[in-house]
Amino acid sequence: LREDIKLLRKFPKVALELHGHSSHSDTDASKRIALGRAQSVKTALQMAGLTNPIETRGWGSHPSVSRKSVRIFPRWAPGRAYLRANPDIAQNLKRIHSSAASA
C-alpha cells in the first residue's frame, strides 16, 4: 500500500473507488464487513495525506478475489487533457489496480 500511496500522490485529481470484500455466511453481514474494510482503507489513505476523491463500496465474496481484501480502482476523473499532459498515468494507474488486489 505504501508504494500505491507514493504513486497516487503524483495524481491527486484521479478519483478512486475502493471495493471491500468479505465472505461471511450472512450476505448482509458480509456487505457491512466489506464496506467497513473499504472505509478503513479510505481513512488510511486520507491519513497518509492523499486528497484524491474516494468512494467506497462493500461486496460479498467473489470467486476471483481474496475474501479479505480491498481493491483500489482508479477512475478517470481528470479528463483527457490531464491524461495527455501526463502520458504515464494510465500505465501507472493500471499497476495500482493490479497490485492492490490484496491491500
Protein backbone atom coordinates (compact mmCIF):
# COMPACT_ATOMS: atom_id res chain seq x y z
CA LEU A 1 0.00 0.00 0.00
CA ARG A 2 2.95 2.37 0.64
CA GLU A 3 4.03 2.20 -3.00
CA ASP A 4 0.46 2.88 -4.13
CA ILE A 5 0.24 5.91 -1.85
CA LYS A 6 3.53 7.24 -3.18
CA LEU A 7 2.25 6.89 -6.75
CA LEU A 8 -1.21 8.31 -6.04
CA ARG A 9 0.36 11.46 -4.57
CA LYS A 10 1.59 12.21 -8.10
CA PHE A 11 -2.01 12.13 -9.41
CA PRO A 12 -4.22 13.91 -6.84
CA LYS A 13 -7.01 14.59 -9.32
CA VAL A 14 -7.67 10.92 -10.07
CA ALA A 15 -10.79 9.74 -8.26
CA LEU A 16 -10.59 6.34 -6.56
CA GLU A 17 -13.14 3.66 -5.81
CA LEU A 18 -12.37 1.18 -3.05
CA HIS A 19 -14.13 -2.19 -3.16
CA GLY A 20 -14.10 -4.13 0.11
CA HIS A 21 -14.71 -7.89 0.03
CA SER A 22 -15.79 -10.38 2.67
CA SER A 23 -17.11 -13.93 2.66
CA HIS A 24 -19.26 -14.06 5.79
CA SER A 25 -22.08 -16.60 5.53
CA ASP A 26 -24.72 -13.89 6.16
CA THR A 27 -24.94 -11.75 3.00
CA ASP A 28 -25.93 -8.56 4.81
CA ALA A 29 -23.19 -9.01 7.40
CA SER A 30 -20.69 -9.73 4.63
CA LYS A 31 -21.52 -6.46 2.88
CA ARG A 32 -21.27 -4.49 6.15
CA ILE A 33 -17.90 -6.06 6.95
CA ALA A 34 -16.66 -5.41 3.41
CA LEU A 35 -17.81 -1.78 3.47
CA GLY A 36 -16.10 -1.27 6.82
CA ARG A 37 -12.90 -2.74 5.36
CA ALA A 38 -13.05 -0.33 2.39
CA GLN A 39 -13.77 2.63 4.68
CA SER A 40 -10.76 1.70 6.85
CA VAL A 41 -8.50 1.77 3.80
CA LYS A 42 -10.02 5.13 2.77
CA THR A 43 -9.21 6.51 6.22
CA ALA A 44 -5.64 5.18 5.97
CA LEU A 45 -5.19 6.78 2.55
CA GLN A 46 -6.51 10.11 3.78
CA MET A 47 -4.34 9.97 6.92
CA ALA A 48 -1.36 9.39 4.61
CA GLY A 49 -2.14 12.75 3.02
CA LEU A 50 -3.99 11.74 -0.16
CA THR A 51 -6.50 14.32 -1.36
CA ASN A 52 -7.98 12.22 -4.18
CA PRO A 53 -11.78 11.93 -4.24
CA ILE A 54 -12.52 8.46 -2.81
CA GLU A 55 -15.73 6.40 -2.84
CA THR A 56 -16.20 3.10 -1.01
CA ARG A 57 -18.29 0.02 -1.74
CA GLY A 58 -18.82 -3.22 0.12
CA TRP A 59 -19.30 -6.52 -1.67
CA GLY A 60 -19.75 -10.12 -0.62
CA SER A 61 -17.49 -12.86 -1.85
CA HIS A 62 -16.24 -13.09 -5.42
CA PRO A 63 -14.54 -16.16 -6.90
CA SER A 64 -11.51 -14.28 -8.24
CA VAL A 65 -10.96 -12.02 -5.21
CA SER A 66 -9.40 -12.80 -1.86
CA ARG A 67 -12.17 -12.96 0.71
CA LYS A 68 -10.46 -10.44 2.97
CA SER A 69 -9.36 -7.73 0.60
CA VAL A 70 -9.85 -4.20 -0.65
CA ARG A 71 -9.29 -3.44 -4.32
CA ILE A 72 -8.41 0.08 -5.47
CA PHE A 73 -9.88 1.19 -8.79
CA PRO A 74 -8.66 4.45 -10.33
CA ARG A 75 -11.48 6.33 -12.04
CA TRP A 76 -10.72 8.62 -14.95
CA ALA A 77 -11.97 11.83 -13.33
CA PRO A 78 -9.19 14.13 -14.56
CA GLY A 79 -10.30 14.14 -18.17
CA ARG A 80 -8.43 13.72 -21.42
CA ALA A 81 -6.38 16.93 -21.22
CA TYR A 82 -4.89 15.86 -17.88
CA LEU A 83 -4.15 12.39 -19.23
CA ARG A 84 -2.47 13.84 -22.34
CA ALA A 85 -0.33 16.09 -20.14
CA ASN A 86 0.65 13.05 -18.02
CA PRO A 87 1.12 10.20 -20.54
CA ASP A 88 2.43 7.73 -17.96
CA ILE A 89 -0.67 7.97 -15.79
CA ALA A 90 -2.68 5.19 -17.47
CA GLN A 91 0.13 2.66 -17.12
CA ASN A 92 0.82 3.64 -13.51
CA LEU A 93 -2.82 3.51 -12.50
CA LYS A 94 -3.25 0.07 -14.08
CA ARG A 95 -0.36 -1.06 -11.87
CA ILE A 96 -2.17 0.27 -8.79
CA HIS A 97 -5.30 -1.69 -9.66
CA SER A 98 -3.41 -4.93 -10.15
CA SER A 99 -1.14 -4.56 -7.09
CA ALA A 100 -3.88 -3.51 -4.68
CA ALA A 101 -5.93 -6.70 -5.00
CA SER A 102 -4.98 -7.79 -1.52
CA ALA A 103 -4.45 -4.46 0.22
